Amino acid sequence: MDEGIIVKALERADIAASPEVVRRTALFVEHLKKVNEKINLTAITDDESIGTRHLQDSWMLCSYIPKGSTLIDVSSGAGFPGLALKIVRPDLDVTLLDSVRKKTDFLDNAVELLDLDQVRAIHGRAEELGRDRLYRDRFDVAVARAVTALPTLLELSLPLVRPGGLFIAMKGRDDETAASKRALEELRGRIEKVVRYELPDTDHARSLVIVKKLFPTPLRYPRRMAAIKKSSL
């Protein structure tokens, strides 16, 4: 990958473009493109689009994540935003969660290739981890870039966050907060702020919905996925 594209994405996200960050990012992207020829990890494959729509978009979260946080990326997929964040924020302890084994295998290989510590991939479902006492109420920050509706993302992600911690949902032009009032009340969350930005050279308007978890989530959440799909909060 052209390192100039990486530097530009870093600068637009207001992150210092150190040689090590640029090197690791280029290595990660080249590995992604190679594996993507065999496994469908992303439909975004040209360098400019990867730089803007994957890297810069992921890095826009950096200033909202407290130093030294434990972070879980829910439905990490090809590692955006979680692995991209780890490359520029070595202070984070990162868990990459995905329900597709081929994707977590890719993430495991990428972590080894990049020689990163305090990061691991977990094959599993958020609605199951959220009921597991090893993961429930554990993380300082949860992030998600899935296309799932915000009320569902809240139910899947907030149980993983400790009281006082944050959930950051990466959404499009419609931040979906108006449809999430009941979910926030049920799950004991409160919207702290909504950050809006445009991705340059694209028609993509983005929103970061930053939610603070006020109290422990009631034990009845998260529900099984069949129940969530039948009746979202």
Protein backbone atom coordinates (compact mmCIF):
# COMPACT_ATOMS: atom_id res chain seq x y z
CA MET A 1 0.00 0.00 0.00
CA ASP A 2 1.18 3.51 -0.82
CA GLU A 3 2.53 4.89 2.46
CA GLY A 4 1.48 8.39 1.42
CA ILE A 5 -2.16 7.32 1.66
CA ILE A 6 -1.57 6.04 5.19
CA VAL A 7 0.15 9.27 6.23
CA LYS A 8 -2.73 11.30 4.81
CA ALA A 9 -5.29 9.21 6.72
CA LEU A 10 -3.31 9.62 9.94
CA GLU A 11 -3.01 13.37 9.51
CA ARG A 12 -6.73 13.75 8.81
CA ALA A 13 -7.44 11.85 12.03
CA ASP A 14 -4.93 14.09 13.86
CA ILE A 15 -2.54 11.24 14.66
CA ALA A 16 1.26 11.44 14.43
CA ALA A 17 2.56 9.44 11.46
CA SER A 18 5.45 7.61 13.11
CA PRO A 19 7.50 5.27 10.89
CA GLU A 20 6.46 2.23 12.96
CA VAL A 21 2.75 3.03 12.70
CA VAL A 22 3.04 3.55 8.94
CA ARG A 23 5.04 0.31 8.54
CA ARG A 24 2.60 -1.79 10.54
CA THR A 25 -0.43 -0.28 8.81
CA ALA A 26 1.02 -0.98 5.35
CA LEU A 27 1.81 -4.55 6.38
CA PHE A 28 -1.72 -5.02 7.74
CA VAL A 29 -3.38 -3.69 4.59
CA GLU A 30 -1.24 -5.81 2.26
CA HIS A 31 -2.09 -8.90 4.33
CA LEU A 32 -5.78 -7.97 4.22
CA LYS A 33 -5.74 -7.57 0.44
CA LYS A 34 -3.97 -10.89 -0.05
CA VAL A 35 -6.34 -12.87 2.19
CA ASN A 36 -9.35 -11.04 0.76
CA GLU A 37 -8.68 -12.69 -2.60
CA LYS A 38 -9.70 -16.01 -1.01
CA ILE A 39 -12.01 -14.96 1.84
CA ASN A 40 -14.62 -12.21 1.64
CA LEU A 41 -13.41 -9.79 4.31
CA THR A 42 -14.20 -6.46 2.67
CA ALA A 43 -15.72 -5.07 -0.52
CA ILE A 44 -13.44 -2.03 -0.22
CA THR A 45 -10.21 -3.00 -1.97
CA ASP A 46 -8.52 0.01 -3.61
CA ASP A 47 -5.88 1.81 -1.57
CA GLU A 48 -7.53 5.23 -1.54
CA SER A 49 -10.84 3.84 -0.29
CA ILE A 50 -9.12 1.66 2.31
CA GLY A 51 -7.23 4.72 3.51
CA THR A 52 -10.37 6.80 3.89
CA ARG A 53 -13.25 4.42 4.58
CA HIS A 54 -11.40 1.88 6.72
CA LEU A 55 -8.31 3.46 8.27
CA GLN A 56 -9.27 7.10 8.75
CA ASP A 57 -12.81 6.15 9.76
CA SER A 58 -11.44 3.80 12.43
CA TRP A 59 -8.87 6.30 13.68
CA MET A 60 -11.49 9.01 14.19
CA LEU A 61 -12.38 7.23 17.45
CA CYS A 62 -8.93 7.73 18.99
CA SER A 63 -9.52 10.97 20.87
CA TYR A 64 -12.68 9.58 22.53
CA ILE A 65 -11.04 6.47 24.00
CA PRO A 66 -9.35 7.00 27.40
CA LYS A 67 -5.69 6.06 27.72
CA GLY A 68 -5.01 2.48 28.81
CA SER A 69 -8.58 1.30 28.18
CA THR A 70 -9.65 -2.30 27.82
CA LEU A 71 -11.58 -2.30 24.55
CA ILE A 72 -13.79 -4.81 22.74
CA ASP A 73 -14.62 -4.47 19.05
CA VAL A 74 -18.02 -6.12 18.51
CA SER A 75 -18.24 -7.84 15.10
CA SER A 76 -14.70 -6.83 14.20
CA GLY A 77 -14.73 -8.41 10.74
CA ALA A 78 -11.51 -7.44 8.98
CA GLY A 79 -10.25 -5.59 12.06
CA PHE A 80 -11.95 -2.22 11.67
CA PRO A 81 -11.97 -0.36 13.90
CA GLY A 82 -10.36 -2.55 16.60
CA LEU A 83 -7.10 -3.71 15.03
CA ALA A 84 -6.57 -0.40 13.23
CA LEU A 85 -6.95 1.34 16.61
CA LYS A 86 -4.44 -1.00 18.27
CA ILE A 87 -1.81 -0.12 15.66
CA VAL A 88 -1.94 3.58 16.58
CA ARG A 89 -2.83 3.10 20.27
CA PRO A 90 -0.47 0.51 21.78
CA ASP A 91 -1.71 1.53 25.24
CA LEU A 92 -5.04 -0.20 24.59
CA ASP A 93 -5.82 -3.79 25.57
CA VAL A 94 -7.97 -4.95 22.65
CA THR A 95 -10.37 -7.86 22.15
CA LEU A 96 -11.62 -8.50 18.61
CA LEU A 97 -14.93 -10.36 18.62
CA ASP A 98 -16.51 -11.97 15.58
CA SER A 99 -18.91 -14.86 15.02
CA VAL A 100 -17.24 -16.03 11.78
CA ARG A 101 -14.32 -18.40 12.32
CA LYS A 102 -12.54 -17.45 9.08
CA LYS A 103 -12.50 -13.82 10.18
CA THR A 104 -11.09 -14.52 13.64
CA ASP A 105 -8.46 -16.78 12.03
CA PHE A 106 -7.51 -13.84 9.79
CA LEU A 107 -7.33 -11.53 12.81
CA ASP A 108 -5.17 -14.00 14.75
CA ASN A 109 -2.75 -14.20 11.83
CA ALA A 110 -2.69 -10.42 11.43
CA VAL A 111 -1.89 -9.90 15.13
CA GLU A 112 1.00 -12.37 14.87
CA LEU A 113 2.27 -10.80 11.64
CA LEU A 114 2.22 -7.31 13.15
CA ASP A 115 3.89 -8.52 16.37
CA LEU A 116 1.31 -6.83 18.60
CA ASP A 117 0.75 -7.64 22.26
CA GLN A 118 -2.32 -7.14 24.47
CA VAL A 119 -4.67 -7.96 21.60
CA ARG A 120 -6.57 -11.15 20.83
CA ALA A 121 -9.39 -12.40 18.60
CA ILE A 122 -12.35 -14.31 20.03
CA HIS A 123 -14.68 -16.45 17.96
CA GLY A 124 -18.12 -15.96 19.48
CA ARG A 125 -21.35 -14.00 19.58
CA ALA A 126 -21.91 -10.81 21.54
CA GLU A 127 -25.25 -12.03 22.91
CA GLU A 128 -23.44 -15.03 24.42
CA LEU A 129 -20.38 -13.19 25.74
CA GLY A 130 -22.66 -10.62 27.33
CA ARG A 131 -24.09 -13.36 29.58
CA ASP A 132 -20.67 -14.81 30.42
CA ARG A 133 -19.37 -13.53 33.75
CA LEU A 134 -15.82 -13.50 32.33
CA TYR A 135 -16.84 -10.77 29.87
CA ARG A 136 -19.95 -9.10 31.27
CA ASP A 137 -19.29 -5.66 32.81
CA ARG A 138 -15.60 -6.07 31.97
CA PHE A 139 -14.54 -3.56 29.33
CA ASP A 140 -13.82 0.15 29.64
CA VAL A 141 -14.93 0.70 26.04
CA ALA A 142 -16.91 -1.24 23.44
CA VAL A 143 -16.95 -0.16 19.80
CA ALA A 144 -19.01 -1.36 16.85
CA ARG A 145 -19.15 -0.44 13.18
CA ALA A 146 -21.79 -3.00 12.19
CA VAL A 147 -24.73 -1.98 9.99
CA THR A 148 -27.10 -3.32 12.66
CA ALA A 149 -29.67 -0.84 14.02
CA LEU A 150 -28.51 1.14 17.06
CA PRO A 151 -31.04 -0.35 19.55
CA THR A 152 -29.73 -3.83 18.71
CA LEU A 153 -26.10 -2.70 18.91
CA LEU A 154 -26.82 -1.26 22.33
CA GLU A 155 -28.32 -4.53 23.58
CA LEU A 156 -25.39 -6.54 22.24
CA SER A 157 -22.62 -4.20 23.40
CA LEU A 158 -23.59 -2.42 26.64
CA PRO A 159 -23.69 -5.62 28.76
CA LEU A 160 -19.98 -6.03 27.97
CA VAL A 161 -19.11 -2.55 29.29
CA ARG A 162 -18.39 -1.83 32.95
CA PRO A 163 -20.58 0.77 34.71
CA GLY A 164 -18.99 4.13 33.98
CA GLY A 165 -17.51 2.85 30.72
CA LEU A 166 -18.33 3.83 27.14
CA PHE A 167 -19.92 2.31 24.06
CA ILE A 168 -19.11 4.02 20.76
CA ALA A 169 -21.33 3.16 17.79
CA MET A 170 -20.10 4.16 14.33
CA LYS A 171 -23.15 5.14 12.32
CA GLY A 172 -23.92 7.00 9.11
CA ARG A 173 -25.74 10.25 8.44
CA ASP A 174 -28.68 9.03 10.54
CA ASP A 175 -27.30 8.54 14.05
CA GLU A 176 -30.48 6.56 15.01
CA THR A 177 -30.58 8.08 18.49
CA ALA A 178 -34.27 9.01 18.22
CA ALA A 179 -35.16 5.33 17.86
CA SER A 180 -32.97 4.27 20.78
CA LYS A 181 -34.58 5.95 23.79
CA ARG A 182 -36.21 2.79 25.14
CA ALA A 183 -33.05 0.72 24.62
CA LEU A 184 -30.96 3.29 26.49
CA GLU A 185 -33.40 3.32 29.39
CA GLU A 186 -33.64 -0.47 29.59
CA LEU A 187 -29.89 -1.02 29.30
CA ARG A 188 -28.92 1.79 31.71
CA GLY A 189 -27.09 3.93 29.18
CA ARG A 190 -27.03 7.63 28.36
CA ILE A 191 -25.88 9.41 25.22
CA GLU A 192 -22.93 11.63 26.10
CA LYS A 193 -22.45 13.16 22.68
CA VAL A 194 -22.84 12.59 18.94
CA VAL A 195 -19.80 13.48 16.85
CA ARG A 196 -20.43 14.15 13.17
CA TYR A 197 -17.85 14.24 10.40
CA GLU A 198 -17.47 13.74 6.66
CA LEU A 199 -15.03 11.34 5.07
CA PRO A 200 -13.08 13.36 2.47
CA ASP A 201 -13.43 12.59 -1.23
CA THR A 202 -16.55 10.51 -0.54
CA ASP A 203 -20.26 11.12 -0.05
CA HIS A 204 -20.13 9.38 3.34
CA ALA A 205 -21.40 11.36 6.32
CA ARG A 206 -20.55 9.67 9.61
CA SER A 207 -21.71 9.82 13.23
CA LEU A 208 -20.05 8.57 16.39
CA VAL A 209 -22.70 7.91 19.02
CA ILE A 210 -20.93 7.92 22.38
CA VAL A 211 -22.92 6.25 25.16
CA LYS A 212 -22.00 6.09 28.84
CA LYS A 213 -23.10 3.06 30.85
CA LEU A 214 -24.53 4.41 34.09
CA PHE A 215 -25.41 1.24 36.02
CA PRO A 216 -25.15 -2.55 35.58
CA THR A 217 -27.36 -3.81 32.77
CA PRO A 218 -30.33 -5.90 34.02
CA LEU A 219 -29.57 -9.61 33.89
CA ARG A 220 -32.33 -10.28 31.34
CA TYR A 221 -30.15 -8.59 28.70
CA PRO A 222 -28.80 -9.40 26.23
CA ARG A 223 -31.58 -11.66 25.00
CA ARG A 224 -31.08 -14.46 22.50
CA MET A 225 -30.76 -13.24 18.93
CA ALA A 226 -34.10 -14.77 17.93
CA ALA A 227 -35.83 -12.65 20.58
CA ILE A 228 -33.89 -9.53 19.57
CA LYS A 229 -34.90 -9.97 15.94
CA LYS A 230 -38.51 -10.63 16.88
CA SER A 231 -38.82 -7.53 19.05
CA SER A 232 -36.02 -4.98 19.23
CA LEU A 233 -35.88 -2.53 22.12
